[in-house]
């Protein structure tokens, strides 16, 4: 997955904020944040996003995604 603003692949799951994001996560819509430009947005996923660290210390989001669905945050 890449950032809709800067196209970076350094995107990680973000904490859910408020009741609306908790309800949306039940429907598979999760918040993400770009580590380069800090844009926060929501994306429909097939599972709960999990942030993993690789052996080299780099982030591996480990996310199952449906690349056709995207919901921009406001």
C-alpha atoms as a PDB file:
ATOM      1  CA  UNK A   1       0.000   0.000   0.000  1.00  0.00           C
ATOM      2  CA  UNK A   2       1.240   3.495  -0.714  1.00  0.00           C
ATOM      3  CA  UNK A   3       0.339   6.969   0.513  1.00  0.00           C
ATOM      4  CA  UNK A   4      -2.293   8.759  -1.619  1.00  0.00           C
ATOM      5  CA  UNK A   5      -0.479  12.091  -1.124  1.00  0.00           C
ATOM      6  CA  UNK A   6       3.260  11.390  -1.595  1.00  0.00           C
ATOM      7  CA  UNK A   7       3.093   7.798  -2.946  1.00  0.00           C
ATOM      8  CA  UNK A   8       5.562   6.546  -0.304  1.00  0.00           C
ATOM      9  CA  UNK A   9       5.318   2.904   0.759  1.00  0.00           C
ATOM     10  CA  UNK A  10       6.313   3.773   4.345  1.00  0.00           C
ATOM     11  CA  UNK A  11       2.720   3.572   5.621  1.00  0.00           C
ATOM     12  CA  UNK A  12       1.747   2.192   9.016  1.00  0.00           C
ATOM     13  CA  UNK A  13      -1.505   1.525  10.845  1.00  0.00           C
ATOM     14  CA  UNK A  14      -2.619   4.482  12.957  1.00  0.00           C
ATOM     15  CA  UNK A  15      -4.512   4.466  16.247  1.00  0.00           C
ATOM     16  CA  UNK A  16      -8.264   4.687  15.993  1.00  0.00           C
ATOM     17  CA  UNK A  17      -9.671   8.030  17.173  1.00  0.00           C
ATOM     18  CA  UNK A  18     -13.212   8.299  18.471  1.00  0.00           C
ATOM     19  CA  UNK A  19     -16.278   6.148  18.264  1.00  0.00           C
ATOM     20  CA  UNK A  20     -16.676   6.569  14.487  1.00  0.00           C
ATOM     21  CA  UNK A  21     -13.322   4.955  13.719  1.00  0.00           C
ATOM     22  CA  UNK A  22     -14.056   2.125  16.147  1.00  0.00           C
ATOM     23  CA  UNK A  23     -17.353   1.451  14.379  1.00  0.00           C
ATOM     24  CA  UNK A  24     -15.710   1.714  10.945  1.00  0.00           C
ATOM     25  CA  UNK A  25     -13.030  -0.789  11.974  1.00  0.00           C
ATOM     26  CA  UNK A  26     -15.774  -3.350  12.626  1.00  0.00           C
ATOM     27  CA  UNK A  27     -16.660  -2.925   8.939  1.00  0.00           C
ATOM     28  CA  UNK A  28     -13.005  -3.333   7.893  1.00  0.00           C
ATOM     29  CA  UNK A  29     -12.101   0.358   7.476  1.00  0.00           C
ATOM     30  CA  UNK A  30      -8.853   1.126   9.327  1.00  0.00           C
ATOM     31  CA  UNK A  31      -6.789   4.316   9.791  1.00  0.00           C
ATOM     32  CA  UNK A  32      -3.240   4.539   8.403  1.00  0.00           C
ATOM     33  CA  UNK A  33      -0.521   7.201   8.505  1.00  0.00           C
ATOM     34  CA  UNK A  34       2.312   7.894   6.085  1.00  0.00           C
ATOM     35  CA  UNK A  35       5.684   8.087   7.833  1.00  0.00           C
ATOM     36  CA  UNK A  36       7.103  10.437   5.195  1.00  0.00           C
ATOM     37  CA  UNK A  37       4.444  13.188   4.831  1.00  0.00           C
ATOM     38  CA  UNK A  38       2.337  12.268   7.930  1.00  0.00           C
ATOM     39  CA  UNK A  39      -0.938  12.206   5.990  1.00  0.00           C
ATOM     40  CA  UNK A  40      -3.581  10.210   7.843  1.00  0.00           C
ATOM     41  CA  UNK A  41      -6.245   8.375   5.873  1.00  0.00           C
ATOM     42  CA  UNK A  42      -8.556   5.347   6.041  1.00  0.00           C
ATOM     43  CA  UNK A  43      -8.424   2.237   3.914  1.00  0.00           C
ATOM     44  CA  UNK A  44     -10.667  -0.799   3.569  1.00  0.00           C
ATOM     45  CA  UNK A  45      -8.717  -3.928   4.519  1.00  0.00           C
ATOM     46  CA  UNK A  46      -9.450  -7.628   4.533  1.00  0.00           C
ATOM     47  CA  UNK A  47      -8.144  -8.019   8.068  1.00  0.00           C
ATOM     48  CA  UNK A  48      -6.897  -6.124  11.074  1.00  0.00           C
ATOM     49  CA  UNK A  49      -3.733  -4.196  10.206  1.00  0.00           C
ATOM     50  CA  UNK A  50      -0.664  -5.434  12.080  1.00  0.00           C
ATOM     51  CA  UNK A  51       2.618  -3.559  12.225  1.00  0.00           C
ATOM     52  CA  UNK A  52       5.659  -5.879  12.193  1.00  0.00           C
ATOM     53  CA  UNK A  53       9.342  -5.126  12.449  1.00  0.00           C
ATOM     54  CA  UNK A  54      11.630  -6.948  10.013  1.00  0.00           C
ATOM     55  CA  UNK A  55      15.076  -8.261  10.922  1.00  0.00           C
ATOM     56  CA  UNK A  56      16.695  -5.126   9.506  1.00  0.00           C
ATOM     57  CA  UNK A  57      14.604  -2.898  11.777  1.00  0.00           C
ATOM     58  CA  UNK A  58      12.466  -1.590   8.913  1.00  0.00           C
ATOM     59  CA  UNK A  59       8.715  -1.566   9.177  1.00  0.00           C
ATOM     60  CA  UNK A  60       6.659  -4.228   7.430  1.00  0.00           C
ATOM     61  CA  UNK A  61       2.953  -3.351   7.756  1.00  0.00           C
ATOM     62  CA  UNK A  62       1.788  -6.950   7.218  1.00  0.00           C
ATOM     63  CA  UNK A  63      -1.619  -5.880   5.967  1.00  0.00           C
ATOM     64  CA  UNK A  64      -4.098  -7.752   3.827  1.00  0.00           C
ATOM     65  CA  UNK A  65      -5.695  -5.179   1.541  1.00  0.00           C
ATOM     66  CA  UNK A  66      -8.330  -4.730  -1.081  1.00  0.00           C
ATOM     67  CA  UNK A  67      -6.513  -2.238  -3.365  1.00  0.00           C
ATOM     68  CA  UNK A  68      -9.715  -1.117  -5.091  1.00  0.00           C
ATOM     69  CA  UNK A  69     -11.272   0.434  -1.981  1.00  0.00           C
ATOM     70  CA  UNK A  70     -10.029   3.612  -0.343  1.00  0.00           C
ATOM     71  CA  UNK A  71     -11.665   6.140   1.930  1.00  0.00           C
ATOM     72  CA  UNK A  72      -9.863   9.429   2.478  1.00  0.00           C
ATOM     73  CA  UNK A  73      -9.965  10.989   5.907  1.00  0.00           C
ATOM     74  CA  UNK A  74     -11.442  14.445   6.294  1.00  0.00           C
END
